[in-house]
Every structure is written in structure tokens, then in C-alpha cells.
Amino acid sequence: GMALGRPVVCFLNPRFAPHHPEWAEAPIVSATPDTIVEELRRLVTDAQLREDLGARGPEYVRRYHSLHAVGARMTALYERLWSAN
């Protein structure tokens, strides 16, 4: 959805946030089963919010989920593993 410029609703569990600092700039509306209705209502009624989130999605995907971005992280991981020997 983000790659297509659409707003995304997902649960970003706060206990994993320390392992995902990129979440701080994620154009994602975090919702739980208890908050999903209010978050969807906010998205439906706020066209500017939908537009802003949608516009930020493709760049976020390129920065953190593209083949280049993931490949760079894997290269760094492999280099750390190999240098440990």
C-alpha cells in the first residue's frame, strides 16, 4: 500500500520500536483492535492526512524496503559476521 501511495493502517507494537528506529518516520497509522474504528474514522474524515500519508509512502518504501536498501543492510551484516572471525 505504501509503495502505491495509499495510507496504511497497521499495529506497530511499541515493544519492538527500539529495534526499528525507522518507525519514527513511518507513514503508518498504528491501530489496535481497540483503536481501529477511531483511527479509520480519522482517516476517512481527514483528506489531508490521507494525502500526506500516501505521499510519504513511496519514499519510505524506497528508503527502507527497496532491494538496494535491504541489500545494503545485508552487506553490512555479512561484513560484520565475516570480520568477527
Protein backbone atom coordinates (compact mmCIF):
# COMPACT_ATOMS: atom_id res chain seq x y z
CA GLY A 1 0.00 0.00 0.00
CA MET A 2 2.72 2.50 0.92
CA ALA A 3 4.57 1.89 -2.34
CA LEU A 4 1.36 2.72 -4.19
CA GLY A 5 0.86 5.93 -2.23
CA ARG A 6 -2.01 4.66 -0.11
CA PRO A 7 -2.47 5.23 3.62
CA VAL A 8 -1.64 2.13 5.63
CA VAL A 9 -3.11 1.01 8.95
CA CYS A 10 -1.04 -1.49 10.92
CA PHE A 11 -0.19 -2.28 14.52
CA LEU A 12 3.35 -1.17 15.30
CA ASN A 13 3.99 -2.90 18.60
CA PRO A 14 5.85 -0.43 20.86
CA ARG A 15 7.95 -3.18 22.41
CA PHE A 16 9.68 -3.66 19.03
CA ALA A 17 10.24 0.06 18.39
CA PRO A 18 13.79 0.03 19.84
CA HIS A 19 14.72 -2.47 17.11
CA HIS A 20 13.07 -0.39 14.36
CA PRO A 21 14.12 3.25 14.65
CA GLU A 22 12.81 3.79 11.11
CA TRP A 23 9.29 3.50 12.50
CA ALA A 24 9.65 7.07 13.80
CA GLU A 25 9.21 8.28 10.22
CA ALA A 26 6.86 5.55 9.02
CA PRO A 27 3.75 6.95 7.31
CA ILE A 28 1.65 4.31 9.04
CA VAL A 29 -1.37 4.75 11.25
CA SER A 30 -0.81 2.36 14.13
CA ALA A 31 -4.03 0.81 15.42
CA THR A 32 -5.04 -1.97 17.76
CA PRO A 33 -8.34 -3.84 17.80
CA ASP A 34 -9.44 -1.31 20.44
CA THR A 35 -8.49 1.76 18.36
CA ILE A 36 -9.13 0.61 14.77
CA VAL A 37 -12.57 2.24 14.49
CA GLU A 38 -11.37 5.63 15.72
CA GLU A 39 -8.25 5.50 13.51
CA LEU A 40 -10.26 4.55 10.42
CA ARG A 41 -12.77 7.29 11.22
CA ARG A 42 -9.90 9.78 11.45
CA LEU A 43 -8.57 8.66 8.06
CA VAL A 44 -11.99 8.77 6.41
CA THR A 45 -12.76 12.26 7.66
CA ASP A 46 -9.31 13.83 7.16
CA ALA A 47 -8.48 14.04 3.46
CA GLN A 48 -5.26 15.97 4.14
CA LEU A 49 -4.00 13.23 6.47
CA ARG A 50 -4.70 10.59 3.81
CA GLU A 51 -2.91 12.70 1.20
CA ASP A 52 0.10 13.34 3.45
CA LEU A 53 0.49 9.70 4.48
CA GLY A 54 0.04 8.49 0.92
CA ALA A 55 2.60 10.96 -0.43
CA ARG A 56 5.23 9.87 2.10
CA GLY A 57 4.73 6.15 1.48
CA PRO A 58 6.72 5.56 -1.73
CA GLU A 59 9.84 7.32 -0.41
CA TYR A 60 9.66 5.39 2.86
CA VAL A 61 9.44 2.12 0.92
CA ARG A 62 12.41 3.11 -1.26
CA ARG A 63 14.46 4.12 1.76
CA TYR A 64 13.80 1.06 3.92
CA HIS A 65 12.34 -1.77 1.84
CA SER A 66 13.84 -1.49 -1.64
CA LEU A 67 16.24 -4.09 -2.98
CA HIS A 68 19.05 -1.53 -2.67
CA ALA A 69 18.23 -0.65 0.96
CA VAL A 70 17.80 -4.23 2.12
CA GLY A 71 20.88 -5.31 0.17
CA ALA A 72 22.98 -2.63 1.86
CA ARG A 73 21.83 -3.80 5.30
CA MET A 74 22.57 -7.42 4.39
CA THR A 75 26.03 -6.47 3.12
CA ALA A 76 26.78 -4.66 6.38
CA LEU A 77 25.57 -7.66 8.36
CA TYR A 78 27.68 -10.10 6.35
CA GLU A 79 30.75 -7.86 6.70
CA ARG A 80 30.31 -7.74 10.48
CA LEU A 81 29.91 -11.51 10.62
CA TRP A 82 32.97 -12.18 8.45
CA SER A 83 35.15 -9.69 10.30
CA ALA A 84 34.34 -11.38 13.61
CA ASN A 85 36.37 -14.45 12.57
